[in-house]
Amino acid sequence: MSTLAWILASTFLMSLIAWIGVLVLALGERALERLLPRLVAFAAGSLIGGAFLHLLPETVTQGGPRLDLFVWLVGGFVMFFLLEQFLHWRHEHAVQPRARPVTYLILMADGLHNFLGGMAIAGSFLVSPQVGIVTWIAAAAHEIPTELGDFAILVQGGWSRTGALAANFLSALTIVVGGVLAWGLGQGLDVLFLLPFAAGNFVYIAASDLIPEIKHAGDARERLGHFVAFLLGILLLLGVRLAF
């Protein structure tokens, strides 16, 4: 299987996660309210594990302890901070979200986020299929609660359920565009910088968006459950690392 085929298959499969909004219809709001915090915690652990146990070690293995690669790590972190500051984009993982910006702005920001995610996934596959698969797993764990939240935001913002699902999917397709662009750049340029850049993205999303949502949520028993889910996300990525 060629690298381009891996990139096209993985990014398109990631875009299909946008249709997970149908779970809102199938399970109902109350069931999702109980499920989503665990998913968010698991996603946070997966992103931390993906960044520190896969992307950064692979960066050092491939490129050595070069300062410029760690500058890209910081750049990935700063880029997503910039998105939140100036596009008012933020992850919302509640089925009944609070007041929020215009839904079109959310779709535009999510499209940019997915485009950058596609570049990160493609850059990982350009290093090796194994690194690409690990990056995809960590990103997918994060996308599931994000897409559920986005669907709820659009519906509450006035979209029909069918329209919200379709718009979410179209926004998610930018991940394929980002993947193809990164593959094209990789034919003539060293794209190793995409690995630490993706790691910076992962750390920002986990630390700024996901963990704050669940660290004080619920009673002591629920918080313990969130922490266990967080650890399971890390252990999953550690297990994948050891397996490869």
C-alpha atoms as a PDB file:
ATOM      1  CA  MET A   1       0.000   0.000   0.000  1.00  0.00           C
ATOM      2  CA  SER A   2       1.521   3.314  -1.070  1.00  0.00           C
ATOM      3  CA  THR A   3       1.999   6.265   1.271  1.00  0.00           C
ATOM      4  CA  LEU A   4      -0.565   8.313  -0.645  1.00  0.00           C
ATOM      5  CA  ALA A   5      -3.100   5.489  -0.334  1.00  0.00           C
ATOM      6  CA  TRP A   6      -2.502   5.353   3.437  1.00  0.00           C
ATOM      7  CA  ILE A   7      -3.001   9.115   3.667  1.00  0.00           C
ATOM      8  CA  LEU A   8      -6.170   9.167   1.558  1.00  0.00           C
ATOM      9  CA  ALA A   9      -7.708   6.212   3.379  1.00  0.00           C
ATOM     10  CA  SER A  10      -6.862   7.463   6.872  1.00  0.00           C
ATOM     11  CA  THR A  11      -7.969  11.067   6.338  1.00  0.00           C
ATOM     12  CA  PHE A  12     -11.220  10.087   4.625  1.00  0.00           C
ATOM     13  CA  LEU A  13     -11.962   7.604   7.395  1.00  0.00           C
ATOM     14  CA  MET A  14     -11.327  10.362   9.909  1.00  0.00           C
ATOM     15  CA  SER A  15     -13.790  12.632   8.102  1.00  0.00           C
ATOM     16  CA  LEU A  16     -16.474   9.956   8.430  1.00  0.00           C
ATOM     17  CA  ILE A  17     -16.340  10.388  12.213  1.00  0.00           C
ATOM     18  CA  ALA A  18     -18.413  13.538  11.607  1.00  0.00           C
ATOM     19  CA  TRP A  19     -21.429  11.257  11.156  1.00  0.00           C
ATOM     20  CA  ILE A  20     -21.147  10.077  14.756  1.00  0.00           C
ATOM     21  CA  GLY A  21     -23.644  12.810  15.539  1.00  0.00           C
ATOM     22  CA  VAL A  22     -26.331  10.215  14.834  1.00  0.00           C
ATOM     23  CA  LEU A  23     -25.536   8.875  18.327  1.00  0.00           C
ATOM     24  CA  VAL A  24     -27.216  11.973  19.708  1.00  0.00           C
ATOM     25  CA  LEU A  25     -30.382  10.789  18.007  1.00  0.00           C
ATOM     26  CA  ALA A  26     -29.945   7.122  18.930  1.00  0.00           C
ATOM     27  CA  LEU A  27     -28.923   7.432  22.588  1.00  0.00           C
ATOM     28  CA  GLY A  28     -30.675  10.592  23.660  1.00  0.00           C
ATOM     29  CA  GLU A  29     -29.286  13.558  25.541  1.00  0.00           C
ATOM     30  CA  ARG A  30     -29.272  12.056  29.037  1.00  0.00           C
ATOM     31  CA  ALA A  31     -27.263   8.975  28.059  1.00  0.00           C
ATOM     32  CA  LEU A  32     -24.743  11.107  26.168  1.00  0.00           C
ATOM     33  CA  GLU A  33     -24.370  13.481  29.099  1.00  0.00           C
ATOM     34  CA  ARG A  34     -23.141  10.504  31.135  1.00  0.00           C
ATOM     35  CA  LEU A  35     -20.931   9.100  28.359  1.00  0.00           C
ATOM     36  CA  LEU A  36     -19.244  12.218  27.024  1.00  0.00           C
ATOM     37  CA  PRO A  37     -17.101  13.137  30.072  1.00  0.00           C
ATOM     38  CA  ARG A  38     -15.501   9.677  29.968  1.00  0.00           C
ATOM     39  CA  LEU A  39     -14.881  10.034  26.244  1.00  0.00           C
ATOM     40  CA  VAL A  40     -13.332  13.464  26.784  1.00  0.00           C
ATOM     41  CA  ALA A  41     -11.032  12.118  29.514  1.00  0.00           C
ATOM     42  CA  PHE A  42     -10.019   9.155  27.352  1.00  0.00           C
ATOM     43  CA  ALA A  43      -9.345  11.503  24.420  1.00  0.00           C
ATOM     44  CA  ALA A  44      -7.156  13.739  26.602  1.00  0.00           C
ATOM     45  CA  GLY A  45      -5.070  10.758  27.674  1.00  0.00           C
ATOM     46  CA  SER A  46      -4.769   9.539  24.100  1.00  0.00           C
ATOM     47  CA  LEU A  47      -3.533  12.939  22.913  1.00  0.00           C
ATOM     48  CA  ILE A  48      -0.978  13.195  25.717  1.00  0.00           C
ATOM     49  CA  GLY A  49       0.177   9.647  24.993  1.00  0.00           C
ATOM     50  CA  GLY A  50       0.368  10.301  21.283  1.00  0.00           C
ATOM     51  CA  ALA A  51       2.426  13.459  21.769  1.00  0.00           C
ATOM     52  CA  PHE A  52       4.900  12.266  24.409  1.00  0.00           C
ATOM     53  CA  LEU A  53       5.139   8.545  23.685  1.00  0.00           C
ATOM     54  CA  HIS A  54       5.095   8.588  19.877  1.00  0.00           C
ATOM     55  CA  LEU A  55       5.444  11.868  18.024  1.00  0.00           C
ATOM     56  CA  LEU A  56       8.227  13.427  20.099  1.00  0.00           C
ATOM     57  CA  PRO A  57      10.340  10.246  20.443  1.00  0.00           C
ATOM     58  CA  GLU A  58       9.963   9.637  16.706  1.00  0.00           C
ATOM     59  CA  THR A  59      10.995  13.240  16.007  1.00  0.00           C
ATOM     60  CA  VAL A  60      14.206  12.829  18.022  1.00  0.00           C
ATOM     61  CA  THR A  61      14.889   9.430  16.440  1.00  0.00           C
ATOM     62  CA  GLN A  62      14.462  10.769  12.911  1.00  0.00           C
ATOM     63  CA  GLY A  63      15.990  14.224  13.276  1.00  0.00           C
ATOM     64  CA  GLY A  64      18.021  14.217  16.462  1.00  0.00           C
ATOM     65  CA  PRO A  65      17.669  16.708  19.344  1.00  0.00           C
ATOM     66  CA  ARG A  66      17.609  19.720  17.007  1.00  0.00           C
ATOM     67  CA  LEU A  67      16.337  23.004  18.411  1.00  0.00           C
ATOM     68  CA  ASP A  68      14.291  23.822  15.304  1.00  0.00           C
ATOM     69  CA  LEU A  69      12.162  20.707  15.769  1.00  0.00           C
ATOM     70  CA  PHE A  70      11.288  21.770  19.312  1.00  0.00           C
ATOM     71  CA  VAL A  71      10.490  25.241  17.989  1.00  0.00           C
ATOM     72  CA  TRP A  72       7.898  23.508  15.777  1.00  0.00           C
ATOM     73  CA  LEU A  73       6.528  21.830  18.911  1.00  0.00           C
ATOM     74  CA  VAL A  74       5.992  25.247  20.479  1.00  0.00           C
ATOM     75  CA  GLY A  75       4.631  26.506  17.159  1.00  0.00           C
ATOM     76  CA  GLY A  76       1.989  23.782  17.093  1.00  0.00           C
ATOM     77  CA  PHE A  77       0.914  24.749  20.608  1.00  0.00           C
ATOM     78  CA  VAL A  78       0.822  28.460  19.760  1.00  0.00           C
ATOM     79  CA  MET A  79      -1.106  27.894  16.513  1.00  0.00           C
ATOM     80  CA  PHE A  80      -4.054  26.333  18.299  1.00  0.00           C
ATOM     81  CA  PHE A  81      -3.971  29.032  20.973  1.00  0.00           C
ATOM     82  CA  LEU A  82      -4.189  31.545  18.124  1.00  0.00           C
ATOM     83  CA  LEU A  83      -7.191  29.724  16.676  1.00  0.00           C
ATOM     84  CA  GLU A  84      -9.045  29.991  19.950  1.00  0.00           C
ATOM     85  CA  GLN A  85      -8.121  33.622  20.507  1.00  0.00           C
ATOM     86  CA  PHE A  86      -8.986  35.027  17.095  1.00  0.00           C
ATOM     87  CA  LEU A  87     -11.492  32.602  15.621  1.00  0.00           C
ATOM     88  CA  HIS A  88     -13.265  32.039  18.945  1.00  0.00           C
ATOM     89  CA  TRP A  89     -12.972  28.326  18.264  1.00  0.00           C
ATOM     90  CA  ARG A  90     -13.196  25.997  21.208  1.00  0.00           C
ATOM     91  CA  HIS A  91     -14.162  22.407  21.764  1.00  0.00           C
ATOM     92  CA  GLU A  92     -17.561  21.889  23.331  1.00  0.00           C
ATOM     93  CA  HIS A  93     -18.397  18.453  24.604  1.00  0.00           C
ATOM     94  CA  ALA A  94     -21.776  19.063  26.209  1.00  0.00           C
ATOM     95  CA  VAL A  95     -25.004  17.884  24.660  1.00  0.00           C
ATOM     96  CA  GLN A  96     -26.675  21.048  25.959  1.00  0.00           C
ATOM     97  CA  PRO A  97     -23.934  23.620  25.333  1.00  0.00           C
ATOM     98  CA  ARG A  98     -23.872  27.191  26.598  1.00  0.00           C
ATOM     99  CA  ALA A  99     -24.189  30.326  24.462  1.00  0.00           C
ATOM    100  CA  ARG A 100     -21.639  30.252  21.644  1.00  0.00           C
ATOM    101  CA  PRO A 101     -20.414  32.100  18.540  1.00  0.00           C
ATOM    102  CA  VAL A 102     -22.214  31.946  15.214  1.00  0.00           C
ATOM    103  CA  THR A 103     -22.432  28.383  13.922  1.00  0.00           C
ATOM    104  CA  TYR A 104     -20.800  29.296  10.611  1.00  0.00           C
ATOM    105  CA  LEU A 105     -17.765  30.566  12.475  1.00  0.00           C
ATOM    106  CA  ILE A 106     -17.562  27.240  14.300  1.00  0.00           C
ATOM    107  CA  LEU A 107     -17.688  25.355  11.006  1.00  0.00           C
ATOM    108  CA  MET A 108     -14.977  27.574   9.505  1.00  0.00           C
ATOM    109  CA  ALA A 109     -12.706  27.119  12.510  1.00  0.00           C
ATOM    110  CA  ASP A 110     -13.320  23.377  12.608  1.00  0.00           C
ATOM    111  CA  GLY A 111     -12.494  23.201   8.915  1.00  0.00           C
ATOM    112  CA  LEU A 112      -9.139  24.884   9.579  1.00  0.00           C
ATOM    113  CA  HIS A 113      -8.516  22.591  12.552  1.00  0.00           C
ATOM    114  CA  ASN A 114      -9.258  19.532  10.398  1.00  0.00           C
ATOM    115  CA  PHE A 115      -7.010  20.839   7.610  1.00  0.00           C
ATOM    116  CA  LEU A 116      -4.089  21.121  10.037  1.00  0.00           C
ATOM    117  CA  GLY A 117      -4.956  17.696  11.426  1.00  0.00           C
ATOM    118  CA  GLY A 118      -4.792  16.224   7.937  1.00  0.00           C
ATOM    119  CA  MET A 119      -1.318  17.679   7.456  1.00  0.00           C
ATOM    120  CA  ALA A 120      -0.207  16.192  10.785  1.00  0.00           C
ATOM    121  CA  ILE A 121      -1.559  12.738   9.954  1.00  0.00           C
ATOM    122  CA  ALA A 122      -0.003  12.805   6.490  1.00  0.00           C
ATOM    123  CA  GLY A 123       3.330  13.945   7.900  1.00  0.00           C
ATOM    124  CA  SER A 124       3.252  10.974  10.250  1.00  0.00           C
ATOM    125  CA  PHE A 125       2.559   8.530   7.425  1.00  0.00           C
ATOM    126  CA  LEU A 126       5.437  10.054   5.461  1.00  0.00           C
ATOM    127  CA  VAL A 127       7.714   8.939   8.293  1.00  0.00           C
ATOM    128  CA  SER A 128       6.250   5.428   8.470  1.00  0.00           C
ATOM    129  CA  PRO A 129       2.862   3.660   8.417  1.00  0.00           C
ATOM    130  CA  GLN A 130       3.315   2.749  12.082  1.00  0.00           C
ATOM    131  CA  VAL A 131       3.748   6.373  13.174  1.00  0.00           C
ATOM    132  CA  GLY A 132       0.823   7.356  10.967  1.00  0.00           C
ATOM    133  CA  ILE A 133      -1.488   4.769  12.518  1.00  0.00           C
ATOM    134  CA  VAL A 134      -0.587   5.866  16.038  1.00  0.00           C
ATOM    135  CA  THR A 135      -1.201   9.520  15.167  1.00  0.00           C
ATOM    136  CA  TRP A 136      -4.533   8.573  13.620  1.00  0.00           C
ATOM    137  CA  ILE A 137      -5.616   6.660  16.750  1.00  0.00           C
ATOM    138  CA  ALA A 138      -4.845   9.610  19.026  1.00  0.00           C
ATOM    139  CA  ALA A 139      -6.570  12.090  16.711  1.00  0.00           C
ATOM    140  CA  ALA A 140      -9.623   9.850  16.264  1.00  0.00           C
ATOM    141  CA  ALA A 141     -10.065   9.475  20.034  1.00  0.00           C
ATOM    142  CA  HIS A 142     -10.265  13.254  20.215  1.00  0.00           C
ATOM    143  CA  GLU A 143     -12.532  13.684  17.197  1.00  0.00           C
ATOM    144  CA  ILE A 144     -15.339  11.478  18.539  1.00  0.00           C
ATOM    145  CA  PRO A 145     -16.391  13.715  21.465  1.00  0.00           C
ATOM    146  CA  THR A 146     -15.598  16.830  19.430  1.00  0.00           C
ATOM    147  CA  GLU A 147     -17.926  15.867  16.582  1.00  0.00           C
ATOM    148  CA  LEU A 148     -20.679  14.927  19.028  1.00  0.00           C
ATOM    149  CA  GLY A 149     -20.369  18.362  20.604  1.00  0.00           C
ATOM    150  CA  ASP A 150     -20.259  20.132  17.239  1.00  0.00           C
ATOM    151  CA  PHE A 151     -23.444  18.398  16.132  1.00  0.00           C
ATOM    152  CA  ALA A 152     -25.225  19.528  19.310  1.00  0.00           C
ATOM    153  CA  ILE A 153     -23.970  23.099  18.815  1.00  0.00           C
ATOM    154  CA  LEU A 154     -25.279  23.292  15.247  1.00  0.00           C
ATOM    155  CA  VAL A 155     -28.680  21.859  16.138  1.00  0.00           C
ATOM    156  CA  GLN A 156     -29.084  24.269  19.035  1.00  0.00           C
ATOM    157  CA  GLY A 157     -27.918  27.055  16.709  1.00  0.00           C
ATOM    158  CA  GLY A 158     -30.879  26.478  14.413  1.00  0.00           C
ATOM    159  CA  TRP A 159     -29.697  23.832  11.947  1.00  0.00           C
ATOM    160  CA  SER A 160     -31.838  20.837  11.090  1.00  0.00           C
ATOM    161  CA  ARG A 161     -30.380  17.540  12.233  1.00  0.00           C
ATOM    162  CA  THR A 162     -29.767  16.423   8.652  1.00  0.00           C
ATOM    163  CA  GLY A 163     -28.211  19.768   7.773  1.00  0.00           C
ATOM    164  CA  ALA A 164     -25.975  19.686  10.839  1.00  0.00           C
ATOM    165  CA  LEU A 165     -24.673  16.213   9.977  1.00  0.00           C
ATOM    166  CA  ALA A 166     -23.988  17.221   6.363  1.00  0.00           C
ATOM    167  CA  ALA A 167     -22.290  20.498   7.304  1.00  0.00           C
ATOM    168  CA  ASN A 168     -20.136  18.739   9.885  1.00  0.00           C
ATOM    169  CA  PHE A 169     -19.045  16.212   7.281  1.00  0.00           C
ATOM    170  CA  LEU A 170     -18.188  18.872   4.701  1.00  0.00           C
ATOM    171  CA  SER A 171     -16.133  20.703   7.321  1.00  0.00           C
ATOM    172  CA  ALA A 172     -14.375  17.438   8.180  1.00  0.00           C
ATOM    173  CA  LEU A 173     -13.405  16.812   4.539  1.00  0.00           C
ATOM    174  CA  THR A 174     -10.745  19.524   4.803  1.00  0.00           C
ATOM    175  CA  ILE A 175      -8.684  16.889   6.611  1.00  0.00           C
ATOM    176  CA  VAL A 176      -8.314  15.091   3.274  1.00  0.00           C
ATOM    177  CA  VAL A 177      -7.188  18.332   1.612  1.00  0.00           C
ATOM    178  CA  GLY A 178      -4.588  18.900   4.319  1.00  0.00           C
ATOM    179  CA  GLY A 179      -3.349  15.339   3.978  1.00  0.00           C
ATOM    180  CA  VAL A 180      -2.931  15.557   0.207  1.00  0.00           C
ATOM    181  CA  LEU A 181      -1.156  18.925   0.502  1.00  0.00           C
ATOM    182  CA  ALA A 182       1.296  17.531   3.067  1.00  0.00           C
ATOM    183  CA  TRP A 183       1.940  14.524   0.824  1.00  0.00           C
ATOM    184  CA  GLY A 184       2.670  16.874  -2.098  1.00  0.00           C
ATOM    185  CA  LEU A 185       5.051  18.940   0.000  1.00  0.00           C
ATOM    186  CA  GLY A 186       6.721  15.777   1.192  1.00  0.00           C
ATOM    187  CA  GLN A 187       7.799  14.907  -2.340  1.00  0.00           C
ATOM    188  CA  GLY A 188      10.332  17.720  -2.355  1.00  0.00           C
ATOM    189  CA  LEU A 189      10.696  18.924   1.225  1.00  0.00           C
ATOM    190  CA  ASP A 190      11.623  17.493   4.606  1.00  0.00           C
ATOM    191  CA  VAL A 191       8.293  17.359   6.428  1.00  0.00           C
ATOM    192  CA  LEU A 192       9.641  15.972   9.695  1.00  0.00           C
ATOM    193  CA  PHE A 193       8.582  19.264  11.305  1.00  0.00           C
ATOM    194  CA  LEU A 194       4.966  18.101  11.048  1.00  0.00           C
ATOM    195  CA  LEU A 195       5.549  15.545  13.818  1.00  0.00           C
ATOM    196  CA  PRO A 196       6.490  18.026  16.591  1.00  0.00           C
ATOM    197  CA  PHE A 197       3.927  20.481  15.178  1.00  0.00           C
ATOM    198  CA  ALA A 198       1.225  17.819  15.621  1.00  0.00           C
ATOM    199  CA  ALA A 199       2.559  17.041  19.110  1.00  0.00           C
ATOM    200  CA  GLY A 200       2.137  20.714  20.042  1.00  0.00           C
ATOM    201  CA  ASN A 201      -1.440  20.601  18.728  1.00  0.00           C
ATOM    202  CA  PHE A 202      -2.160  17.494  20.779  1.00  0.00           C
ATOM    203  CA  VAL A 203      -0.716  18.922  24.008  1.00  0.00           C
ATOM    204  CA  TYR A 204      -2.654  22.178  23.635  1.00  0.00           C
ATOM    205  CA  ILE A 205      -5.984  20.467  22.952  1.00  0.00           C
ATOM    206  CA  ALA A 206      -5.551  18.054  25.862  1.00  0.00           C
ATOM    207  CA  ALA A 207      -4.296  20.597  28.386  1.00  0.00           C
ATOM    208  CA  SER A 208      -6.361  23.634  27.412  1.00  0.00           C
ATOM    209  CA  ASP A 209      -9.630  22.228  26.105  1.00  0.00           C
ATOM    210  CA  LEU A 210     -10.208  18.716  27.396  1.00  0.00           C
ATOM    211  CA  ILE A 211      -8.729  18.351  30.878  1.00  0.00           C
ATOM    212  CA  PRO A 212     -10.311  21.594  32.222  1.00  0.00           C
ATOM    213  CA  GLU A 213     -13.728  20.274  31.198  1.00  0.00           C
ATOM    214  CA  ILE A 214     -13.545  17.152  33.323  1.00  0.00           C
ATOM    215  CA  LYS A 215     -11.094  17.738  36.184  1.00  0.00           C
ATOM    216  CA  HIS A 216     -13.756  19.237  38.476  1.00  0.00           C
ATOM    217  CA  ALA A 217     -16.831  17.648  36.877  1.00  0.00           C
ATOM    218  CA  GLY A 218     -19.091  15.455  39.017  1.00  0.00           C
ATOM    219  CA  ASP A 219     -18.606  14.017  42.486  1.00  0.00           C
ATOM    220  CA  ALA A 220     -15.495  12.212  43.756  1.00  0.00           C
ATOM    221  CA  ARG A 221     -16.559   8.890  42.239  1.00  0.00           C
ATOM    222  CA  GLU A 222     -17.164  10.433  38.825  1.00  0.00           C
ATOM    223  CA  ARG A 223     -13.859  12.303  38.918  1.00  0.00           C
ATOM    224  CA  LEU A 224     -12.091   9.049  39.712  1.00  0.00           C
ATOM    225  CA  GLY A 225     -13.797   7.510  36.689  1.00  0.00           C
ATOM    226  CA  HIS A 226     -12.587  10.397  34.544  1.00  0.00           C
ATOM    227  CA  PHE A 227      -9.038   9.907  35.793  1.00  0.00           C
ATOM    228  CA  VAL A 228      -9.174   6.185  35.050  1.00  0.00           C
ATOM    229  CA  ALA A 229     -10.424   6.948  31.528  1.00  0.00           C
ATOM    230  CA  PHE A 230      -7.568   9.450  31.132  1.00  0.00           C
ATOM    231  CA  LEU A 231      -5.025   6.819  32.195  1.00  0.00           C
ATOM    232  CA  LEU A 232      -6.561   4.270  29.841  1.00  0.00           C
ATOM    233  CA  GLY A 233      -6.043   6.703  26.967  1.00  0.00           C
ATOM    234  CA  ILE A 234      -2.353   7.014  27.852  1.00  0.00           C
ATOM    235  CA  LEU A 235      -1.969   3.261  28.352  1.00  0.00           C
ATOM    236  CA  LEU A 236      -3.583   2.553  24.981  1.00  0.00           C
ATOM    237  CA  LEU A 237      -0.950   4.657  23.221  1.00  0.00           C
ATOM    238  CA  LEU A 238       1.803   3.154  25.363  1.00  0.00           C
ATOM    239  CA  GLY A 239       0.604  -0.319  24.405  1.00  0.00           C
ATOM    240  CA  VAL A 240       0.615   0.609  20.720  1.00  0.00           C
ATOM    241  CA  ARG A 241       4.133   2.009  21.121  1.00  0.00           C
ATOM    242  CA  LEU A 242       5.396  -1.187  22.747  1.00  0.00           C
ATOM    243  CA  ALA A 243       3.643  -3.318  20.131  1.00  0.00           C
ATOM    244  CA  PHE A 244       5.427  -1.506  17.301  1.00  0.00           C
END
